Amino acid sequence: MNNRLNIKFRNQKQSFEILENEIIVDLNTSKHKLKYNIPLEDIKNTHYIVKTKQNGFTLLAYFSLILNFVLLIYIFSDLLKLSQNLLLSILISTSFAIVFVLKTFFEDYTEKHIDSSKLFYFIYTKKNALEVDTFIELVYQKQIDFFRKKYFQIDVVLPYNIQYERYIWLYNNKYINENEFEVIKDDLEKFFNFNPKL
């Protein structure tokens, strides 16, 4: 699977890359222009979806631009010697085209947010929903691999009860199965019984 995800939606871009113990997030959206790293440990297994509305100021700016364009056509109609019917048809067809473009440009879209220590969300549309969901599953799988690598081993320095609590935590969060839990627990007990001074 690919450890990268790039999302382009209208004039917005998002980029995500999963590394060994963190995710690089690069947001260039209408709300955020940020780049940062999120440790895999800080990502929670909960998410929520938000419906996003476009920025009202941008809509007003585009509307003003359209009105100015229509006004210029009207002002220069005498200079260009356009008949009233031709002028009316140009203005109506231009208006319909502009309204259609603005409607599609300013349609609402959804964002899928993952709970984490830092902002972690995806622009979520019908076209990229499967790709985003696949990437989120990969993030959770990499997180499991990270926790298993970090905590699913016997540490000669740590006391028995701390390590035992780690294994219980791994098991309760379903990072290891019951068989793996029993095996590591037995190995831990053998290790500490063999080295009673530890």
N, C-alpha and C. Protein backbone atom coordinates (compact mmCIF):
# COMPACT_ATOMS: atom_id res chain seq x y z
N MET A 1 0.83 -1.20 0.00
CA MET A 1 0.00 0.00 0.00
C MET A 1 0.87 1.26 0.00
N ASN A 2 0.28 2.30 -0.52
CA ASN A 2 1.01 3.56 -0.63
C ASN A 2 0.92 4.34 0.69
N ASN A 3 2.04 4.81 1.18
CA ASN A 3 2.10 5.57 2.43
C ASN A 3 1.79 7.05 2.23
N ARG A 4 1.42 7.42 1.03
CA ARG A 4 1.13 8.83 0.74
C ARG A 4 -0.31 8.97 0.26
N LEU A 5 -0.87 10.14 0.58
CA LEU A 5 -2.19 10.49 0.05
C LEU A 5 -2.16 11.97 -0.30
N ASN A 6 -2.53 12.27 -1.55
CA ASN A 6 -2.64 13.66 -2.00
C ASN A 6 -4.08 13.90 -2.43
N ILE A 7 -4.65 14.97 -1.91
CA ILE A 7 -6.02 15.33 -2.24
C ILE A 7 -6.01 16.71 -2.87
N LYS A 8 -6.65 16.81 -4.03
CA LYS A 8 -6.83 18.11 -4.69
C LYS A 8 -8.31 18.30 -4.89
N PHE A 9 -8.82 19.38 -4.38
CA PHE A 9 -10.25 19.69 -4.51
C PHE A 9 -10.38 21.17 -4.79
N ARG A 10 -10.80 21.49 -6.02
CA ARG A 10 -10.87 22.88 -6.48
C ARG A 10 -9.52 23.55 -6.29
N ASN A 11 -9.43 24.60 -5.48
CA ASN A 11 -8.15 25.28 -5.29
C ASN A 11 -7.48 24.86 -3.98
N GLN A 12 -7.90 23.73 -3.41
CA GLN A 12 -7.36 23.27 -2.13
C GLN A 12 -6.53 22.01 -2.33
N LYS A 13 -5.49 21.88 -1.51
CA LYS A 13 -4.62 20.70 -1.58
C LYS A 13 -4.33 20.20 -0.18
N GLN A 14 -4.26 18.89 -0.06
CA GLN A 14 -3.84 18.25 1.19
C GLN A 14 -2.86 17.13 0.83
N SER A 15 -1.85 16.99 1.67
CA SER A 15 -0.85 15.94 1.45
C SER A 15 -0.56 15.26 2.78
N PHE A 16 -0.52 13.92 2.77
CA PHE A 16 -0.25 13.14 3.98
C PHE A 16 0.77 12.06 3.64
N GLU A 17 1.71 11.86 4.55
CA GLU A 17 2.69 10.79 4.37
C GLU A 17 2.93 10.10 5.71
N ILE A 18 2.82 8.77 5.70
CA ILE A 18 3.03 7.98 6.92
C ILE A 18 4.50 7.57 6.97
N LEU A 19 5.16 7.95 8.06
CA LEU A 19 6.53 7.52 8.30
C LEU A 19 6.51 6.41 9.35
N GLU A 20 7.66 6.04 9.88
CA GLU A 20 7.72 4.93 10.83
C GLU A 20 6.96 5.20 12.12
N ASN A 21 7.06 6.42 12.64
CA ASN A 21 6.40 6.70 13.93
C ASN A 21 5.58 8.00 13.92
N GLU A 22 5.35 8.57 12.73
CA GLU A 22 4.58 9.81 12.65
C GLU A 22 3.99 9.99 11.26
N ILE A 23 3.10 10.96 11.15
CA ILE A 23 2.49 11.30 9.87
C ILE A 23 2.81 12.76 9.56
N ILE A 24 3.29 13.01 8.35
CA ILE A 24 3.54 14.38 7.91
C ILE A 24 2.26 14.88 7.25
N VAL A 25 1.76 16.00 7.75
CA VAL A 25 0.53 16.59 7.24
C VAL A 25 0.86 17.95 6.63
N ASP A 26 0.41 18.16 5.40
CA ASP A 26 0.60 19.44 4.72
C ASP A 26 -0.77 19.89 4.20
N LEU A 27 -1.31 20.93 4.83
CA LEU A 27 -2.64 21.44 4.47
C LEU A 27 -2.50 22.78 3.77
N ASN A 28 -3.09 22.87 2.60
CA ASN A 28 -3.16 24.14 1.88
C ASN A 28 -4.62 24.30 1.44
N THR A 29 -5.47 24.60 2.42
CA THR A 29 -6.91 24.69 2.18
C THR A 29 -7.38 26.12 2.41
N SER A 30 -8.67 26.33 2.20
CA SER A 30 -9.21 27.69 2.41
C SER A 30 -9.16 28.07 3.89
N LYS A 31 -9.16 27.08 4.79
CA LYS A 31 -9.12 27.36 6.23
C LYS A 31 -7.71 27.33 6.82
N HIS A 32 -6.85 26.46 6.31
CA HIS A 32 -5.55 26.24 6.93
C HIS A 32 -4.43 26.17 5.91
N LYS A 33 -3.33 26.82 6.26
CA LYS A 33 -2.08 26.71 5.50
C LYS A 33 -1.03 26.26 6.51
N LEU A 34 -0.95 24.95 6.74
CA LEU A 34 -0.12 24.39 7.79
C LEU A 34 0.68 23.20 7.30
N LYS A 35 1.83 22.97 7.95
CA LYS A 35 2.61 21.76 7.73
C LYS A 35 3.19 21.35 9.08
N TYR A 36 2.96 20.09 9.47
CA TYR A 36 3.41 19.61 10.77
C TYR A 36 3.41 18.09 10.79
N ASN A 37 3.93 17.52 11.87
CA ASN A 37 3.97 16.08 12.06
C ASN A 37 3.06 15.69 13.22
N ILE A 38 2.38 14.56 13.08
CA ILE A 38 1.55 14.01 14.16
C ILE A 38 2.13 12.66 14.54
N PRO A 39 2.56 12.48 15.79
CA PRO A 39 3.04 11.16 16.21
C PRO A 39 1.92 10.12 16.13
N LEU A 40 2.24 8.91 15.72
CA LEU A 40 1.24 7.85 15.61
C LEU A 40 0.58 7.57 16.97
N GLU A 41 1.32 7.80 18.04
CA GLU A 41 0.77 7.57 19.38
C GLU A 41 -0.39 8.51 19.69
N ASP A 42 -0.42 9.68 19.06
CA ASP A 42 -1.42 10.70 19.38
C ASP A 42 -2.72 10.58 18.59
N ILE A 43 -2.78 9.60 17.69
CA ILE A 43 -3.98 9.45 16.87
C ILE A 43 -4.94 8.49 17.56
N LYS A 44 -6.18 8.93 17.71
CA LYS A 44 -7.19 8.11 18.37
C LYS A 44 -8.03 7.37 17.33
N ASN A 45 -8.77 6.40 17.79
CA ASN A 45 -9.54 5.55 16.88
C ASN A 45 -10.97 6.06 16.71
N THR A 46 -11.16 7.37 16.79
CA THR A 46 -12.48 7.96 16.61
C THR A 46 -12.42 9.05 15.55
N HIS A 47 -13.52 9.23 14.86
CA HIS A 47 -13.58 10.25 13.82
C HIS A 47 -14.98 10.85 13.77
N TYR A 48 -15.09 11.95 13.08
CA TYR A 48 -16.39 12.58 12.85
C TYR A 48 -16.35 13.30 11.51
N ILE A 49 -17.53 13.51 10.94
CA ILE A 49 -17.65 14.14 9.63
C ILE A 49 -18.36 15.48 9.78
N VAL A 50 -17.81 16.51 9.13
CA VAL A 50 -18.34 17.87 9.21
C VAL A 50 -18.69 18.34 7.81
N LYS A 51 -19.85 18.94 7.66
CA LYS A 51 -20.23 19.57 6.38
C LYS A 51 -19.64 20.98 6.38
N THR A 52 -18.91 21.33 5.34
CA THR A 52 -18.20 22.60 5.30
C THR A 52 -18.85 23.54 4.30
N LYS A 53 -19.01 24.78 4.70
CA LYS A 53 -19.54 25.81 3.80
C LYS A 53 -18.40 26.66 3.31
N GLN A 54 -18.57 27.20 2.12
CA GLN A 54 -17.53 28.04 1.54
C GLN A 54 -17.48 29.39 2.24
N ASN A 55 -16.38 30.05 2.07
CA ASN A 55 -16.14 31.36 2.66
C ASN A 55 -17.04 32.42 2.00
N GLY A 56 -17.83 33.14 2.79
CA GLY A 56 -18.76 34.14 2.28
C GLY A 56 -18.07 35.31 1.60
N PHE A 57 -16.92 35.72 2.09
CA PHE A 57 -16.18 36.83 1.49
C PHE A 57 -15.77 36.51 0.06
N THR A 58 -15.31 35.28 -0.17
CA THR A 58 -14.92 34.87 -1.52
C THR A 58 -16.11 34.89 -2.46
N LEU A 59 -17.25 34.42 -1.96
CA LEU A 59 -18.47 34.44 -2.77
C LEU A 59 -18.84 35.87 -3.16
N LEU A 60 -18.76 36.81 -2.21
CA LEU A 60 -19.06 38.21 -2.51
C LEU A 60 -18.07 38.80 -3.51
N ALA A 61 -16.81 38.43 -3.40
CA ALA A 61 -15.80 38.93 -4.34
C ALA A 61 -16.09 38.46 -5.76
N TYR A 62 -16.45 37.18 -5.91
CA TYR A 62 -16.79 36.67 -7.23
C TYR A 62 -18.06 37.34 -7.77
N PHE A 63 -19.04 37.50 -6.90
CA PHE A 63 -20.29 38.14 -7.32
C PHE A 63 -20.02 39.58 -7.79
N SER A 64 -19.17 40.29 -7.08
CA SER A 64 -18.80 41.65 -7.47
C SER A 64 -18.11 41.66 -8.82
N LEU A 65 -17.23 40.71 -9.04
CA LEU A 65 -16.52 40.59 -10.31
C LEU A 65 -17.51 40.38 -11.46
N ILE A 66 -18.50 39.54 -11.24
CA ILE A 66 -19.51 39.25 -12.27
C ILE A 66 -20.32 40.51 -12.57
N LEU A 67 -20.76 41.20 -11.51
CA LEU A 67 -21.54 42.43 -11.72
C LEU A 67 -20.74 43.47 -12.51
N ASN A 68 -19.47 43.59 -12.19
CA ASN A 68 -18.62 44.54 -12.92
C ASN A 68 -18.49 44.14 -14.40
N PHE A 69 -18.38 42.85 -14.66
CA PHE A 69 -18.28 42.36 -16.04
C PHE A 69 -19.56 42.68 -16.82
N VAL A 70 -20.72 42.41 -16.21
CA VAL A 70 -22.00 42.69 -16.86
C VAL A 70 -22.16 44.20 -17.09
N LEU A 71 -21.76 44.99 -16.10
CA LEU A 71 -21.84 46.45 -16.23
C LEU A 71 -20.95 46.96 -17.37
N LEU A 72 -19.75 46.39 -17.51
CA LEU A 72 -18.85 46.78 -18.60
C LEU A 72 -19.45 46.46 -19.96
N ILE A 73 -20.07 45.30 -20.07
CA ILE A 73 -20.72 44.95 -21.34
C ILE A 73 -21.83 45.95 -21.66
N TYR A 74 -22.60 46.30 -20.65
CA TYR A 74 -23.70 47.25 -20.86
C TYR A 74 -23.18 48.64 -21.26
N ILE A 75 -22.12 49.08 -20.60
CA ILE A 75 -21.56 50.41 -20.89
C ILE A 75 -20.98 50.46 -22.30
N PHE A 76 -20.27 49.41 -22.70
CA PHE A 76 -19.63 49.42 -24.01
C PHE A 76 -20.54 48.93 -25.13
N SER A 77 -21.79 48.66 -24.81
CA SER A 77 -22.71 48.19 -25.86
C SER A 77 -22.96 49.27 -26.91
N ASP A 78 -23.04 50.53 -26.49
CA ASP A 78 -23.23 51.62 -27.45
C ASP A 78 -21.99 51.79 -28.33
N LEU A 79 -20.83 51.68 -27.71
CA LEU A 79 -19.59 51.83 -28.45
C LEU A 79 -19.41 50.70 -29.48
N LEU A 80 -19.81 49.49 -29.10
CA LEU A 80 -19.69 48.34 -30.00
C LEU A 80 -20.88 48.22 -30.94
N LYS A 81 -21.87 49.10 -30.77
CA LYS A 81 -23.08 49.13 -31.59
C LYS A 81 -23.79 47.78 -31.58
N LEU A 82 -24.02 47.27 -30.35
CA LEU A 82 -24.76 46.01 -30.20
C LEU A 82 -26.25 46.31 -30.13
N SER A 83 -27.03 45.51 -30.83
CA SER A 83 -28.48 45.69 -30.76
C SER A 83 -28.98 45.27 -29.38
N GLN A 84 -30.19 45.74 -29.05
CA GLN A 84 -30.72 45.42 -27.72
C GLN A 84 -30.96 43.93 -27.55
N ASN A 85 -31.43 43.27 -28.60
CA ASN A 85 -31.67 41.82 -28.51
C ASN A 85 -30.36 41.05 -28.32
N LEU A 86 -29.34 41.43 -29.07
CA LEU A 86 -28.05 40.76 -28.94
C LEU A 86 -27.46 41.02 -27.55
N LEU A 87 -27.56 42.25 -27.08
CA LEU A 87 -27.06 42.60 -25.75
C LEU A 87 -27.80 41.80 -24.67
N LEU A 88 -29.12 41.71 -24.81
CA LEU A 88 -29.92 40.97 -23.84
C LEU A 88 -29.56 39.49 -23.84
N SER A 89 -29.38 38.91 -25.02
CA SER A 89 -29.02 37.48 -25.10
C SER A 89 -27.62 37.23 -24.53
N ILE A 90 -26.68 38.15 -24.76
CA ILE A 90 -25.33 38.01 -24.19
C ILE A 90 -25.39 38.07 -22.67
N LEU A 91 -26.13 39.04 -22.15
CA LEU A 91 -26.22 39.19 -20.69
C LEU A 91 -26.91 37.99 -20.04
N ILE A 92 -27.97 37.49 -20.64
CA ILE A 92 -28.69 36.34 -20.06
C ILE A 92 -27.84 35.08 -20.12
N SER A 93 -27.22 34.81 -21.27
CA SER A 93 -26.39 33.60 -21.38
C SER A 93 -25.18 33.69 -20.46
N THR A 94 -24.58 34.86 -20.37
CA THR A 94 -23.44 35.05 -19.45
C THR A 94 -23.88 34.85 -18.01
N SER A 95 -25.02 35.37 -17.66
CA SER A 95 -25.52 35.24 -16.28
C SER A 95 -25.78 33.79 -15.93
N PHE A 96 -26.43 33.04 -16.84
CA PHE A 96 -26.70 31.62 -16.56
C PHE A 96 -25.40 30.84 -16.41
N ALA A 97 -24.45 31.10 -17.30
CA ALA A 97 -23.16 30.39 -17.22
C ALA A 97 -22.45 30.71 -15.92
N ILE A 98 -22.45 31.97 -15.53
CA ILE A 98 -21.75 32.38 -14.31
C ILE A 98 -22.43 31.80 -13.07
N VAL A 99 -23.77 31.81 -13.06
CA VAL A 99 -24.50 31.23 -11.91
C VAL A 99 -24.21 29.75 -11.80
N PHE A 100 -24.17 29.04 -12.93
CA PHE A 100 -23.86 27.60 -12.91
C PHE A 100 -22.46 27.34 -12.38
N VAL A 101 -21.50 28.13 -12.86
CA VAL A 101 -20.10 27.96 -12.40
C VAL A 101 -20.00 28.25 -10.90
N LEU A 102 -20.63 29.33 -10.44
CA LEU A 102 -20.58 29.67 -9.02
C LEU A 102 -21.27 28.61 -8.16
N LYS A 103 -22.38 28.06 -8.66
CA LYS A 103 -23.08 27.03 -7.90
C LYS A 103 -22.20 25.80 -7.69
N THR A 104 -21.53 25.37 -8.77
CA THR A 104 -20.66 24.20 -8.62
C THR A 104 -19.41 24.53 -7.81
N PHE A 105 -18.91 25.75 -7.96
CA PHE A 105 -17.69 26.12 -7.22
C PHE A 105 -17.95 26.27 -5.73
N PHE A 106 -19.11 26.76 -5.37
CA PHE A 106 -19.38 27.02 -3.97
C PHE A 106 -20.29 25.98 -3.31
N GLU A 107 -20.36 24.80 -3.90
CA GLU A 107 -21.11 23.73 -3.28
C GLU A 107 -20.42 23.32 -1.98
N ASP A 108 -21.22 22.92 -1.02
CA ASP A 108 -20.66 22.43 0.25
C ASP A 108 -19.96 21.10 0.01
N TYR A 109 -19.02 20.78 0.87
CA TYR A 109 -18.35 19.48 0.84
C TYR A 109 -18.15 19.02 2.28
N THR A 110 -17.71 17.80 2.45
CA THR A 110 -17.54 17.27 3.80
C THR A 110 -16.06 17.09 4.11
N GLU A 111 -15.77 17.13 5.40
CA GLU A 111 -14.42 16.86 5.90
C GLU A 111 -14.52 15.72 6.90
N LYS A 112 -13.61 14.77 6.78
CA LYS A 112 -13.54 13.67 7.73
C LYS A 112 -12.39 13.95 8.69
N HIS A 113 -12.73 14.17 9.96
CA HIS A 113 -11.75 14.51 10.99
C HIS A 113 -11.43 13.27 11.82
N ILE A 114 -10.15 13.08 12.10
CA ILE A 114 -9.69 12.01 12.99
C ILE A 114 -9.23 12.69 14.27
N ASP A 115 -9.69 12.18 15.42
CA ASP A 115 -9.27 12.76 16.70
C ASP A 115 -7.78 12.52 16.90
N SER A 116 -7.11 13.59 17.26
CA SER A 116 -5.65 13.52 17.41
C SER A 116 -5.18 14.74 18.20
N SER A 117 -3.89 14.75 18.55
CA SER A 117 -3.34 15.88 19.30
C SER A 117 -3.25 17.14 18.44
N LYS A 118 -3.21 16.97 17.11
CA LYS A 118 -3.16 18.10 16.18
C LYS A 118 -4.27 17.92 15.15
N LEU A 119 -4.51 18.97 14.39
CA LEU A 119 -5.56 18.95 13.38
C LEU A 119 -5.26 17.88 12.34
N PHE A 120 -6.21 16.96 12.15
CA PHE A 120 -6.01 15.84 11.23
C PHE A 120 -7.34 15.56 10.53
N TYR A 121 -7.49 16.11 9.31
CA TYR A 121 -8.74 15.93 8.59
C TYR A 121 -8.48 15.79 7.09
N PHE A 122 -9.47 15.22 6.42
CA PHE A 122 -9.39 14.98 4.98
C PHE A 122 -10.59 15.62 4.30
N ILE A 123 -10.37 16.25 3.15
CA ILE A 123 -11.48 16.68 2.32
C ILE A 123 -12.09 15.39 1.77
N TYR A 124 -13.36 15.20 2.03
CA TYR A 124 -14.01 13.90 1.80
C TYR A 124 -15.16 14.07 0.80
N THR A 125 -14.94 13.62 -0.44
CA THR A 125 -15.95 13.73 -1.48
C THR A 125 -16.31 12.34 -1.97
N LYS A 126 -17.31 12.27 -2.83
CA LYS A 126 -17.71 10.97 -3.40
C LYS A 126 -16.58 10.37 -4.21
N LYS A 127 -15.80 11.22 -4.89
CA LYS A 127 -14.73 10.72 -5.75
C LYS A 127 -13.57 10.12 -4.96
N ASN A 128 -13.24 10.72 -3.81
CA ASN A 128 -12.05 10.25 -3.08
C ASN A 128 -12.38 9.49 -1.80
N ALA A 129 -13.66 9.19 -1.55
CA ALA A 129 -14.05 8.56 -0.28
C ALA A 129 -13.35 7.22 -0.07
N LEU A 130 -13.30 6.38 -1.08
CA LEU A 130 -12.66 5.06 -0.95
C LEU A 130 -11.17 5.21 -0.69
N GLU A 131 -10.53 6.12 -1.39
CA GLU A 131 -9.09 6.36 -1.23
C GLU A 131 -8.78 6.88 0.18
N VAL A 132 -9.60 7.80 0.68
CA VAL A 132 -9.40 8.34 2.03
C VAL A 132 -9.62 7.26 3.08
N ASP A 133 -10.69 6.48 2.95
CA ASP A 133 -10.97 5.42 3.92
C ASP A 133 -9.86 4.36 3.93
N THR A 134 -9.34 4.03 2.76
CA THR A 134 -8.22 3.08 2.67
C THR A 134 -6.99 3.64 3.37
N PHE A 135 -6.71 4.92 3.17
CA PHE A 135 -5.55 5.54 3.81
C PHE A 135 -5.73 5.57 5.34
N ILE A 136 -6.93 5.86 5.81
CA ILE A 136 -7.18 5.89 7.26
C ILE A 136 -6.97 4.51 7.86
N GLU A 137 -7.42 3.47 7.17
CA GLU A 137 -7.18 2.10 7.63
C GLU A 137 -5.69 1.80 7.69
N LEU A 138 -4.94 2.30 6.70
CA LEU A 138 -3.49 2.11 6.70
C LEU A 138 -2.85 2.84 7.88
N VAL A 139 -3.34 4.03 8.21
CA VAL A 139 -2.82 4.77 9.37
C VAL A 139 -3.01 3.94 10.63
N TYR A 140 -4.20 3.36 10.81
CA TYR A 140 -4.45 2.56 12.00
C TYR A 140 -3.61 1.28 12.02
N GLN A 141 -3.38 0.69 10.84
CA GLN A 141 -2.53 -0.50 10.78
C GLN A 141 -1.08 -0.14 11.13
N LYS A 142 -0.60 0.98 10.61
CA LYS A 142 0.77 1.42 10.94
C LYS A 142 0.88 1.75 12.43
N GLN A 143 -0.19 2.28 13.01
CA GLN A 143 -0.20 2.57 14.44
C GLN A 143 -0.09 1.27 15.25
N ILE A 144 -0.82 0.25 14.84
CA ILE A 144 -0.74 -1.05 15.52
C ILE A 144 0.68 -1.60 15.41
N ASP A 145 1.25 -1.54 14.21
CA ASP A 145 2.63 -2.02 14.02
C ASP A 145 3.61 -1.24 14.90
N PHE A 146 3.38 0.08 15.01
CA PHE A 146 4.24 0.92 15.85
C PHE A 146 4.16 0.50 17.32
N PHE A 147 2.94 0.33 17.84
CA PHE A 147 2.77 -0.06 19.24
C PHE A 147 3.32 -1.46 19.50
N ARG A 148 3.14 -2.36 18.56
CA ARG A 148 3.68 -3.72 18.74
C ARG A 148 5.21 -3.67 18.78
N LYS A 149 5.79 -2.89 17.90
CA LYS A 149 7.26 -2.79 17.87
C LYS A 149 7.79 -2.13 19.14
N LYS A 150 7.07 -1.15 19.64
CA LYS A 150 7.55 -0.40 20.80
C LYS A 150 7.34 -1.14 22.12
N TYR A 151 6.18 -1.81 22.28
CA TYR A 151 5.83 -2.38 23.59
C TYR A 151 5.76 -3.90 23.64
N PHE A 152 5.75 -4.57 22.53
CA PHE A 152 5.56 -6.02 22.54
C PHE A 152 6.91 -6.73 22.53
N GLN A 153 7.66 -6.48 23.59
CA GLN A 153 8.96 -7.12 23.79
C GLN A 153 9.32 -7.07 25.27
N ILE A 154 10.21 -7.91 25.65
CA ILE A 154 10.65 -7.92 27.05
C ILE A 154 11.81 -6.95 27.19
N ASP A 155 11.65 -6.03 28.12
CA ASP A 155 12.66 -5.01 28.38
C ASP A 155 13.40 -5.40 29.66
N VAL A 156 14.71 -5.54 29.56
CA VAL A 156 15.49 -6.00 30.72
C VAL A 156 15.60 -4.94 31.80
N VAL A 157 15.30 -3.70 31.50
CA VAL A 157 15.44 -2.60 32.45
C VAL A 157 14.15 -2.35 33.23
N LEU A 158 13.03 -2.44 32.58
CA LEU A 158 11.75 -2.12 33.22
C LEU A 158 11.31 -3.18 34.22
N PRO A 159 10.67 -2.78 35.28
CA PRO A 159 10.15 -3.75 36.25
C PRO A 159 9.03 -4.61 35.65
N TYR A 160 8.81 -5.74 36.28
CA TYR A 160 7.85 -6.73 35.81
C TYR A 160 6.44 -6.14 35.68
N ASN A 161 5.96 -5.45 36.71
CA ASN A 161 4.56 -4.98 36.70
C ASN A 161 4.31 -3.93 35.60
N ILE A 162 5.28 -3.08 35.28
CA ILE A 162 5.10 -2.10 34.21
C ILE A 162 4.98 -2.81 32.87
N GLN A 163 5.85 -3.79 32.64
CA GLN A 163 5.78 -4.53 31.39
C GLN A 163 4.48 -5.33 31.29
N TYR A 164 4.06 -5.91 32.40
CA TYR A 164 2.82 -6.68 32.40
C TYR A 164 1.63 -5.77 32.08
N GLU A 165 1.63 -4.58 32.64
CA GLU A 165 0.55 -3.61 32.34
C GLU A 165 0.57 -3.19 30.87
N ARG A 166 1.74 -3.09 30.29
CA ARG A 166 1.84 -2.78 28.86
C ARG A 166 1.17 -3.88 28.02
N TYR A 167 1.44 -5.12 28.37
CA TYR A 167 0.87 -6.23 27.61
C TYR A 167 -0.65 -6.27 27.76
N ILE A 168 -1.12 -5.96 28.95
CA ILE A 168 -2.57 -5.90 29.16
C ILE A 168 -3.16 -4.77 28.31
N TRP A 169 -2.48 -3.64 28.28
CA TRP A 169 -2.94 -2.51 27.47
C TRP A 169 -2.97 -2.89 25.99
N LEU A 170 -1.92 -3.56 25.51
CA LEU A 170 -1.89 -4.00 24.11
C LEU A 170 -3.06 -4.95 23.82
N TYR A 171 -3.30 -5.85 24.75
CA TYR A 171 -4.38 -6.83 24.55
C TYR A 171 -5.76 -6.16 24.60
N ASN A 172 -5.98 -5.29 25.56
CA ASN A 172 -7.28 -4.62 25.69
C ASN A 172 -7.60 -3.72 24.50
N ASN A 173 -6.57 -3.15 23.89
CA ASN A 173 -6.77 -2.31 22.71
C ASN A 173 -6.73 -3.10 21.40
N LYS A 174 -6.65 -4.44 21.54
CA LYS A 174 -6.67 -5.35 20.39
C LYS A 174 -5.47 -5.17 19.46
N TYR A 175 -4.34 -4.76 20.04
CA TYR A 175 -3.10 -4.70 19.26
C TYR A 175 -2.43 -6.07 19.20
N ILE A 176 -2.73 -6.92 20.19
CA ILE A 176 -2.28 -8.31 20.17
C ILE A 176 -3.48 -9.19 20.49
N ASN A 177 -3.43 -10.45 20.05
CA ASN A 177 -4.53 -11.36 20.35
C ASN A 177 -4.27 -12.12 21.65
N GLU A 178 -5.23 -12.92 22.04
CA GLU A 178 -5.13 -13.62 23.33
C GLU A 178 -3.96 -14.58 23.37
N ASN A 179 -3.71 -15.27 22.27
CA ASN A 179 -2.60 -16.22 22.21
C ASN A 179 -1.26 -15.49 22.38
N GLU A 180 -1.10 -14.37 21.69
CA GLU A 180 0.14 -13.58 21.82
C GLU A 180 0.31 -13.06 23.24
N PHE A 181 -0.80 -12.65 23.85
CA PHE A 181 -0.74 -12.16 25.24
C PHE A 181 -0.25 -13.25 26.18
N GLU A 182 -0.80 -14.46 26.04
CA GLU A 182 -0.40 -15.57 26.91
C GLU A 182 1.07 -15.93 26.71
N VAL A 183 1.52 -15.94 25.47
CA VAL A 183 2.92 -16.29 25.18
C VAL A 183 3.87 -15.26 25.78
N ILE A 184 3.60 -13.96 25.58
CA ILE A 184 4.52 -12.94 26.09
C ILE A 184 4.47 -12.89 27.62
N LYS A 185 3.31 -13.14 28.18
CA LYS A 185 3.17 -13.16 29.64
C LYS A 185 4.00 -14.31 30.22
N ASP A 186 3.93 -15.48 29.60
CA ASP A 186 4.75 -16.63 30.06
C ASP A 186 6.23 -16.34 29.90
N ASP A 187 6.60 -15.75 28.78
CA ASP A 187 8.01 -15.40 28.56
C ASP A 187 8.50 -14.40 29.60
N LEU A 188 7.66 -13.45 29.92
CA LEU A 188 8.03 -12.45 30.93
C LEU A 188 8.23 -13.10 32.30
N GLU A 189 7.32 -13.97 32.66
CA GLU A 189 7.44 -14.66 33.96
C GLU A 189 8.68 -15.54 34.00
N LYS A 190 8.97 -16.24 32.92
CA LYS A 190 10.19 -17.07 32.87
C LYS A 190 11.43 -16.20 32.99
N PHE A 191 11.43 -15.06 32.31
CA PHE A 191 12.59 -14.18 32.35
C PHE A 191 12.82 -13.66 33.78
N PHE A 192 11.78 -13.22 34.45
CA PHE A 192 11.96 -12.68 35.80
C PHE A 192 12.18 -13.76 36.84
N ASN A 193 11.67 -14.95 36.63
CA ASN A 193 11.96 -16.07 37.54
C ASN A 193 13.39 -16.56 37.38
N PHE A 194 13.89 -16.45 36.15
CA PHE A 194 15.26 -16.84 35.89
C PHE A 194 16.23 -15.81 36.45
N ASN A 195 15.83 -14.53 36.45
CA ASN A 195 16.66 -13.44 36.96
C ASN A 195 15.94 -12.78 38.16
N PRO A 196 15.92 -13.40 39.30
CA PRO A 196 15.14 -12.88 40.41
C PRO A 196 15.60 -11.53 40.95
N LYS A 197 16.83 -11.13 40.67
CA LYS A 197 17.31 -9.84 41.19
C LYS A 197 16.76 -8.66 40.41
N LEU A 198 16.20 -8.89 39.24
CA LEU A 198 15.69 -7.79 38.40
C LEU A 198 14.41 -7.26 38.94
